[in-house]
Amino acid sequence: MNEALRLYGYWRSSAAYRVRIALNLKGLTYESVPVHLLRDGGEQHSDGYRQLNPQELVPVLLHGSRVLRQSLAIIEYLDETWPDPPLLPATARDRARVRGIAQLIACDIHPLNNLRVLQFFEQTWNVPQPERELWVRRWIQEGFTALERLLQESPATGEFCEGDTPTLADCCLVPQVYNARRFGVDLEPFPTIRRIQAVCEALPAFEAARPERQPDAPSRQ
């Protein structure tokens, strides 16, 4: 499995951020290929990129000739291909909990504040920016309210979302907290989420995946 890894993403994409964390936790070397989601109407809509992903979304991971799409599927592929350290627990019950947390974030919270949704509001319905940002905060707050309760009430919650090692759930949590801060969500009501986020941020794998540290981040150009 020594074929090259190439990650197509955007510095501020939550989904690409998740995959970067997973790659770093696995200690894998990869080439970062920026896909600017705003320049020239969005490079993800180009004919060349559409060949890689007909959905015109990031991320896409190339592993040799294999083309992998959807961040959660990519992370599970990485976990099955390079099982150490594991990003999913050993038992079916615990794996289901981790996947449930990950999907709460990636499938229920994130899609409602995705770029293409906000662009549709702006370009099709002419929704002003303050209202668009209110929409984003509304759904992050609702999702985090449920997630905070799930984390607080479960004895399985440890230093991280599940136990005392990072999992798929933490790969999803950290980018969503980044988004929450970006849009001015009040995180004071979510102490468990904030605590886990702080533990994650102290790890080099999470720090190296931060949007501001990516080669296509505006501050790095």
C-alpha atoms as a PDB file:
ATOM      1  CA  MET A   1       0.000   0.000   0.000  1.00  0.00           C
ATOM      2  CA  ASN A   2       2.876   2.367  -0.780  1.00  0.00           C
ATOM      3  CA  GLU A   3       1.035   4.050  -3.641  1.00  0.00           C
ATOM      4  CA  ALA A   4       0.895   7.834  -3.489  1.00  0.00           C
ATOM      5  CA  LEU A   5      -1.949   9.628  -1.747  1.00  0.00           C
ATOM      6  CA  ARG A   6      -3.311  12.843  -3.244  1.00  0.00           C
ATOM      7  CA  LEU A   7      -5.990  14.888  -1.512  1.00  0.00           C
ATOM      8  CA  TYR A   8      -8.099  17.358  -3.471  1.00  0.00           C
ATOM      9  CA  GLY A   9      -9.564  19.894  -1.083  1.00  0.00           C
ATOM     10  CA  TYR A  10     -10.040  23.491  -0.049  1.00  0.00           C
ATOM     11  CA  TRP A  11      -8.393  25.034   2.987  1.00  0.00           C
ATOM     12  CA  ARG A  12     -11.693  25.963   4.672  1.00  0.00           C
ATOM     13  CA  SER A  13     -13.739  22.927   3.648  1.00  0.00           C
ATOM     14  CA  SER A  14     -14.988  21.081   6.724  1.00  0.00           C
ATOM     15  CA  ALA A  15     -15.128  17.796   4.843  1.00  0.00           C
ATOM     16  CA  ALA A  16     -11.545  18.101   3.615  1.00  0.00           C
ATOM     17  CA  TYR A  17     -10.496  19.165   7.131  1.00  0.00           C
ATOM     18  CA  ARG A  18     -11.869  15.871   8.502  1.00  0.00           C
ATOM     19  CA  VAL A  19      -9.811  13.853   6.049  1.00  0.00           C
ATOM     20  CA  ARG A  20      -6.643  15.849   6.769  1.00  0.00           C
ATOM     21  CA  ILE A  21      -7.018  15.048  10.466  1.00  0.00           C
ATOM     22  CA  ALA A  22      -7.443  11.344   9.723  1.00  0.00           C
ATOM     23  CA  LEU A  23      -4.431  11.271   7.413  1.00  0.00           C
ATOM     24  CA  ASN A  24      -2.331  12.995  10.058  1.00  0.00           C
ATOM     25  CA  LEU A  25      -3.495  10.680  12.839  1.00  0.00           C
ATOM     26  CA  LYS A  26      -2.435   7.761  10.649  1.00  0.00           C
ATOM     27  CA  GLY A  27       0.942   9.391  10.018  1.00  0.00           C
ATOM     28  CA  LEU A  28       0.395   9.231   6.264  1.00  0.00           C
ATOM     29  CA  THR A  29       2.188  11.458   3.783  1.00  0.00           C
ATOM     30  CA  TYR A  30       0.017  12.935   1.058  1.00  0.00           C
ATOM     31  CA  GLU A  31       0.059  15.565  -1.654  1.00  0.00           C
ATOM     32  CA  SER A  32      -2.396  18.412  -1.167  1.00  0.00           C
ATOM     33  CA  VAL A  33      -4.099  19.595  -4.367  1.00  0.00           C
ATOM     34  CA  PRO A  34      -6.064  22.825  -3.796  1.00  0.00           C
ATOM     35  CA  VAL A  35      -9.477  23.223  -5.411  1.00  0.00           C
ATOM     36  CA  HIS A  36     -10.576  26.830  -4.936  1.00  0.00           C
ATOM     37  CA  LEU A  37     -14.311  26.776  -4.256  1.00  0.00           C
ATOM     38  CA  LEU A  38     -14.823  30.469  -5.091  1.00  0.00           C
ATOM     39  CA  ARG A  39     -12.317  31.440  -7.780  1.00  0.00           C
ATOM     40  CA  ASP A  40     -13.767  31.745 -11.302  1.00  0.00           C
ATOM     41  CA  GLY A  41     -17.140  30.578 -10.092  1.00  0.00           C
ATOM     42  CA  GLY A  42     -15.628  27.601  -8.277  1.00  0.00           C
ATOM     43  CA  GLU A  43     -12.910  25.296  -9.610  1.00  0.00           C
ATOM     44  CA  GLN A  44     -14.962  22.314  -8.420  1.00  0.00           C
ATOM     45  CA  HIS A  45     -17.302  22.990 -11.348  1.00  0.00           C
ATOM     46  CA  SER A  46     -14.560  22.682 -13.987  1.00  0.00           C
ATOM     47  CA  ASP A  47     -14.728  19.884 -16.547  1.00  0.00           C
ATOM     48  CA  GLY A  48     -11.498  18.374 -15.265  1.00  0.00           C
ATOM     49  CA  TYR A  49     -12.603  18.196 -11.671  1.00  0.00           C
ATOM     50  CA  ARG A  50     -16.053  16.916 -12.635  1.00  0.00           C
ATOM     51  CA  GLN A  51     -14.321  13.871 -14.065  1.00  0.00           C
ATOM     52  CA  LEU A  52     -12.979  13.134 -10.580  1.00  0.00           C
ATOM     53  CA  ASN A  53     -16.216  13.869  -8.759  1.00  0.00           C
ATOM     54  CA  PRO A  54     -19.507  14.282 -10.625  1.00  0.00           C
ATOM     55  CA  GLN A  55     -20.957  15.859  -7.465  1.00  0.00           C
ATOM     56  CA  GLU A  56     -18.490  18.744  -7.868  1.00  0.00           C
ATOM     57  CA  LEU A  57     -17.604  18.645  -4.186  1.00  0.00           C
ATOM     58  CA  VAL A  58     -14.438  18.257  -2.120  1.00  0.00           C
ATOM     59  CA  PRO A  59     -12.694  16.236  -0.902  1.00  0.00           C
ATOM     60  CA  VAL A  60     -11.503  13.577  -3.289  1.00  0.00           C
ATOM     61  CA  LEU A  61      -8.674  11.266  -2.289  1.00  0.00           C
ATOM     62  CA  LEU A  62      -6.582   9.463  -4.882  1.00  0.00           C
ATOM     63  CA  HIS A  63      -4.728   6.378  -3.677  1.00  0.00           C
ATOM     64  CA  GLY A  64      -2.779   5.259  -6.679  1.00  0.00           C
ATOM     65  CA  SER A  65      -5.459   4.706  -9.322  1.00  0.00           C
ATOM     66  CA  ARG A  66      -8.292   4.491  -6.769  1.00  0.00           C
ATOM     67  CA  VAL A  67     -10.635   7.500  -6.608  1.00  0.00           C
ATOM     68  CA  LEU A  68     -12.340   7.896  -3.243  1.00  0.00           C
ATOM     69  CA  ARG A  69     -15.175  10.326  -2.501  1.00  0.00           C
ATOM     70  CA  GLN A  70     -17.207  11.414   0.546  1.00  0.00           C
ATOM     71  CA  SER A  71     -15.218  12.268   3.663  1.00  0.00           C
ATOM     72  CA  LEU A  72     -16.649   9.618   5.984  1.00  0.00           C
ATOM     73  CA  ALA A  73     -16.141   6.883   3.404  1.00  0.00           C
ATOM     74  CA  ILE A  74     -12.585   8.117   2.801  1.00  0.00           C
ATOM     75  CA  ILE A  75     -11.770   8.046   6.514  1.00  0.00           C
ATOM     76  CA  GLU A  76     -13.135   4.530   6.908  1.00  0.00           C
ATOM     77  CA  TYR A  77     -11.093   3.456   3.879  1.00  0.00           C
ATOM     78  CA  LEU A  78      -7.981   4.874   5.522  1.00  0.00           C
ATOM     79  CA  ASP A  79      -8.848   3.059   8.738  1.00  0.00           C
ATOM     80  CA  GLU A  80      -9.289  -0.265   6.998  1.00  0.00           C
ATOM     81  CA  THR A  81      -6.185   0.158   4.850  1.00  0.00           C
ATOM     82  CA  TRP A  82      -3.933   1.448   7.639  1.00  0.00           C
ATOM     83  CA  PRO A  83      -5.565   0.064  10.795  1.00  0.00           C
ATOM     84  CA  ASP A  84      -3.019   1.435  13.263  1.00  0.00           C
ATOM     85  CA  PRO A  85      -3.889   3.599  15.098  1.00  0.00           C
ATOM     86  CA  PRO A  86      -7.591   2.732  14.751  1.00  0.00           C
ATOM     87  CA  LEU A  87     -10.173   5.470  14.247  1.00  0.00           C
ATOM     88  CA  LEU A  88     -13.070   3.155  15.100  1.00  0.00           C
ATOM     89  CA  PRO A  89     -13.441   1.161  18.340  1.00  0.00           C
ATOM     90  CA  ALA A  90     -13.124  -2.599  18.628  1.00  0.00           C
ATOM     91  CA  THR A  91     -16.746  -3.497  19.396  1.00  0.00           C
ATOM     92  CA  ALA A  92     -19.798  -3.134  17.164  1.00  0.00           C
ATOM     93  CA  ARG A  93     -21.687  -1.181  19.850  1.00  0.00           C
ATOM     94  CA  ASP A  94     -18.892   1.360  20.251  1.00  0.00           C
ATOM     95  CA  ARG A  95     -18.364   1.662  16.498  1.00  0.00           C
ATOM     96  CA  ALA A  96     -22.070   2.402  16.093  1.00  0.00           C
ATOM     97  CA  ARG A  97     -21.820   5.189  18.685  1.00  0.00           C
ATOM     98  CA  VAL A  98     -18.823   6.761  16.972  1.00  0.00           C
ATOM     99  CA  ARG A  99     -20.481   6.573  13.567  1.00  0.00           C
ATOM    100  CA  GLY A 100     -23.658   8.052  15.037  1.00  0.00           C
ATOM    101  CA  ILE A 101     -21.778  11.075  16.390  1.00  0.00           C
ATOM    102  CA  ALA A 102     -19.897  11.497  13.130  1.00  0.00           C
ATOM    103  CA  GLN A 103     -23.099  11.352  11.102  1.00  0.00           C
ATOM    104  CA  LEU A 104     -24.916  13.745  13.436  1.00  0.00           C
ATOM    105  CA  ILE A 105     -22.249  16.287  12.521  1.00  0.00           C
ATOM    106  CA  ALA A 106     -21.446  15.413   8.923  1.00  0.00           C
ATOM    107  CA  CYS A 107     -24.959  14.513   7.737  1.00  0.00           C
ATOM    108  CA  ASP A 108     -27.286  16.637   9.887  1.00  0.00           C
ATOM    109  CA  ILE A 109     -25.388  19.802  10.896  1.00  0.00           C
ATOM    110  CA  HIS A 110     -22.832  20.424   8.185  1.00  0.00           C
ATOM    111  CA  PRO A 111     -24.969  20.137   5.005  1.00  0.00           C
ATOM    112  CA  LEU A 112     -27.274  22.924   6.201  1.00  0.00           C
ATOM    113  CA  ASN A 113     -24.387  25.402   6.370  1.00  0.00           C
ATOM    114  CA  ASN A 114     -22.482  24.168   3.345  1.00  0.00           C
ATOM    115  CA  LEU A 115     -21.184  26.663   0.792  1.00  0.00           C
ATOM    116  CA  ARG A 116     -23.547  25.586  -1.971  1.00  0.00           C
ATOM    117  CA  VAL A 117     -26.572  26.080   0.309  1.00  0.00           C
ATOM    118  CA  LEU A 118     -25.439  29.575   1.278  1.00  0.00           C
ATOM    119  CA  GLN A 119     -24.677  30.415  -2.358  1.00  0.00           C
ATOM    120  CA  PHE A 120     -28.158  29.297  -3.363  1.00  0.00           C
ATOM    121  CA  PHE A 121     -29.683  31.552  -0.711  1.00  0.00           C
ATOM    122  CA  GLU A 122     -27.607  34.468  -1.945  1.00  0.00           C
ATOM    123  CA  GLN A 123     -27.737  33.984  -5.710  1.00  0.00           C
ATOM    124  CA  THR A 124     -31.238  32.559  -6.177  1.00  0.00           C
ATOM    125  CA  TRP A 125     -33.276  34.026  -3.327  1.00  0.00           C
ATOM    126  CA  ASN A 126     -31.169  37.151  -2.634  1.00  0.00           C
ATOM    127  CA  VAL A 127     -31.070  36.388   1.079  1.00  0.00           C
ATOM    128  CA  PRO A 128     -28.928  39.047   2.827  1.00  0.00           C
ATOM    129  CA  GLN A 129     -25.751  37.968   4.606  1.00  0.00           C
ATOM    130  CA  PRO A 130     -27.048  38.567   8.178  1.00  0.00           C
ATOM    131  CA  GLU A 131     -29.968  36.227   7.530  1.00  0.00           C
ATOM    132  CA  ARG A 132     -27.689  33.628   5.952  1.00  0.00           C
ATOM    133  CA  GLU A 133     -25.437  33.697   8.989  1.00  0.00           C
ATOM    134  CA  LEU A 134     -28.432  33.453  11.306  1.00  0.00           C
ATOM    135  CA  TRP A 135     -29.455  30.289   9.414  1.00  0.00           C
ATOM    136  CA  VAL A 136     -25.996  28.800   9.943  1.00  0.00           C
ATOM    137  CA  ARG A 137     -25.952  29.576  13.655  1.00  0.00           C
ATOM    138  CA  ARG A 138     -29.473  28.210  14.117  1.00  0.00           C
ATOM    139  CA  TRP A 139     -28.644  24.742  12.851  1.00  0.00           C
ATOM    140  CA  ILE A 140     -25.229  24.479  14.465  1.00  0.00           C
ATOM    141  CA  GLN A 141     -26.757  25.444  17.821  1.00  0.00           C
ATOM    142  CA  GLU A 142     -29.545  22.887  17.466  1.00  0.00           C
ATOM    143  CA  GLY A 143     -27.124  20.146  16.481  1.00  0.00           C
ATOM    144  CA  PHE A 144     -24.648  20.996  19.223  1.00  0.00           C
ATOM    145  CA  THR A 145     -27.425  21.040  21.827  1.00  0.00           C
ATOM    146  CA  ALA A 146     -28.223  17.422  21.005  1.00  0.00           C
ATOM    147  CA  LEU A 147     -24.565  16.434  20.705  1.00  0.00           C
ATOM    148  CA  GLU A 148     -23.657  18.024  24.042  1.00  0.00           C
ATOM    149  CA  ARG A 149     -26.347  15.975  25.742  1.00  0.00           C
ATOM    150  CA  LEU A 150     -25.216  12.766  24.055  1.00  0.00           C
ATOM    151  CA  LEU A 151     -21.628  13.366  25.134  1.00  0.00           C
ATOM    152  CA  GLN A 152     -22.475  14.445  28.677  1.00  0.00           C
ATOM    153  CA  GLU A 153     -24.821  11.554  29.411  1.00  0.00           C
ATOM    154  CA  SER A 154     -22.719   8.699  28.052  1.00  0.00           C
ATOM    155  CA  PRO A 155     -20.113   6.931  30.208  1.00  0.00           C
ATOM    156  CA  ALA A 156     -18.299   6.111  26.955  1.00  0.00           C
ATOM    157  CA  THR A 157     -17.227   9.750  26.593  1.00  0.00           C
ATOM    158  CA  GLY A 158     -13.667  10.148  27.788  1.00  0.00           C
ATOM    159  CA  GLU A 159     -10.932  12.558  26.864  1.00  0.00           C
ATOM    160  CA  PHE A 160     -12.393  12.363  23.374  1.00  0.00           C
ATOM    161  CA  CYS A 161     -15.878  11.703  22.008  1.00  0.00           C
ATOM    162  CA  GLU A 162     -15.358   7.981  22.563  1.00  0.00           C
ATOM    163  CA  GLY A 163     -12.855   6.913  25.177  1.00  0.00           C
ATOM    164  CA  ASP A 164      -9.373   8.311  25.485  1.00  0.00           C
ATOM    165  CA  THR A 165      -8.115   8.129  21.913  1.00  0.00           C
ATOM    166  CA  PRO A 166      -9.301  10.152  18.898  1.00  0.00           C
ATOM    167  CA  THR A 167     -11.779   8.536  16.565  1.00  0.00           C
ATOM    168  CA  LEU A 168     -13.803   9.293  13.468  1.00  0.00           C
ATOM    169  CA  ALA A 169     -16.146  11.305  15.698  1.00  0.00           C
ATOM    170  CA  ASP A 170     -13.398  13.713  16.716  1.00  0.00           C
ATOM    171  CA  CYS A 171     -12.309  14.082  13.084  1.00  0.00           C
ATOM    172  CA  CYS A 172     -15.806  15.453  12.447  1.00  0.00           C
ATOM    173  CA  LEU A 173     -16.234  17.460  15.647  1.00  0.00           C
ATOM    174  CA  VAL A 174     -13.183  19.685  15.331  1.00  0.00           C
ATOM    175  CA  PRO A 175     -14.011  21.135  11.871  1.00  0.00           C
ATOM    176  CA  GLN A 176     -17.599  21.793  12.941  1.00  0.00           C
ATOM    177  CA  VAL A 177     -16.416  23.719  16.003  1.00  0.00           C
ATOM    178  CA  TYR A 178     -14.156  25.706  13.680  1.00  0.00           C
ATOM    179  CA  ASN A 179     -17.227  26.566  11.591  1.00  0.00           C
ATOM    180  CA  ALA A 180     -19.204  27.475  14.682  1.00  0.00           C
ATOM    181  CA  ARG A 181     -16.533  29.922  15.770  1.00  0.00           C
ATOM    182  CA  ARG A 182     -16.281  31.341  12.289  1.00  0.00           C
ATOM    183  CA  PHE A 183     -19.990  32.192  12.277  1.00  0.00           C
ATOM    184  CA  GLY A 184     -20.058  33.514  15.818  1.00  0.00           C
ATOM    185  CA  VAL A 185     -21.911  30.674  17.538  1.00  0.00           C
ATOM    186  CA  ASP A 186     -21.912  31.031  21.325  1.00  0.00           C
ATOM    187  CA  LEU A 187     -20.143  27.886  22.547  1.00  0.00           C
ATOM    188  CA  GLU A 188     -20.599  28.614  26.250  1.00  0.00           C
ATOM    189  CA  PRO A 189     -23.608  26.236  26.526  1.00  0.00           C
ATOM    190  CA  PHE A 190     -21.490  23.332  25.242  1.00  0.00           C
ATOM    191  CA  PRO A 191     -18.756  22.640  27.838  1.00  0.00           C
ATOM    192  CA  THR A 192     -18.148  19.028  26.842  1.00  0.00           C
ATOM    193  CA  ILE A 193     -17.754  19.921  23.182  1.00  0.00           C
ATOM    194  CA  ARG A 194     -15.350  22.714  24.120  1.00  0.00           C
ATOM    195  CA  ARG A 195     -13.340  20.431  26.385  1.00  0.00           C
ATOM    196  CA  ILE A 196     -12.944  17.738  23.738  1.00  0.00           C
ATOM    197  CA  GLN A 197     -12.064  20.360  21.140  1.00  0.00           C
ATOM    198  CA  ALA A 198      -9.284  21.693  23.398  1.00  0.00           C
ATOM    199  CA  VAL A 199      -7.866  18.192  23.918  1.00  0.00           C
ATOM    200  CA  CYS A 200      -7.865  17.608  20.164  1.00  0.00           C
ATOM    201  CA  GLU A 201      -6.272  20.960  19.365  1.00  0.00           C
ATOM    202  CA  ALA A 202      -3.321  20.063  21.587  1.00  0.00           C
ATOM    203  CA  LEU A 203      -2.415  17.123  19.337  1.00  0.00           C
ATOM    204  CA  PRO A 204      -0.007  17.740  16.418  1.00  0.00           C
ATOM    205  CA  ALA A 205      -2.235  15.802  13.995  1.00  0.00           C
ATOM    206  CA  PHE A 206      -5.114  18.213  14.575  1.00  0.00           C
ATOM    207  CA  GLU A 207      -2.917  21.300  14.655  1.00  0.00           C
ATOM    208  CA  ALA A 208      -1.311  20.457  11.298  1.00  0.00           C
ATOM    209  CA  ALA A 209      -4.769  19.997   9.742  1.00  0.00           C
ATOM    210  CA  ARG A 210      -6.000  23.456  10.738  1.00  0.00           C
ATOM    211  CA  PRO A 211      -7.301  25.502   7.788  1.00  0.00           C
ATOM    212  CA  GLU A 212      -4.844  28.352   8.360  1.00  0.00           C
ATOM    213  CA  ARG A 213      -1.919  25.954   8.014  1.00  0.00           C
ATOM    214  CA  GLN A 214      -2.882  24.697   4.555  1.00  0.00           C
ATOM    215  CA  PRO A 215      -0.861  25.787   1.501  1.00  0.00           C
ATOM    216  CA  ASP A 216      -3.894  27.375  -0.174  1.00  0.00           C
ATOM    217  CA  ALA A 217      -4.928  29.417   2.889  1.00  0.00           C
ATOM    218  CA  PRO A 218      -4.825  33.151   2.062  1.00  0.00           C
ATOM    219  CA  SER A 219      -2.321  33.819   4.847  1.00  0.00           C
ATOM    220  CA  ARG A 220       0.092  31.277   3.339  1.00  0.00           C
ATOM    221  CA  GLN A 221       0.071  32.700  -0.190  1.00  0.00           C
END
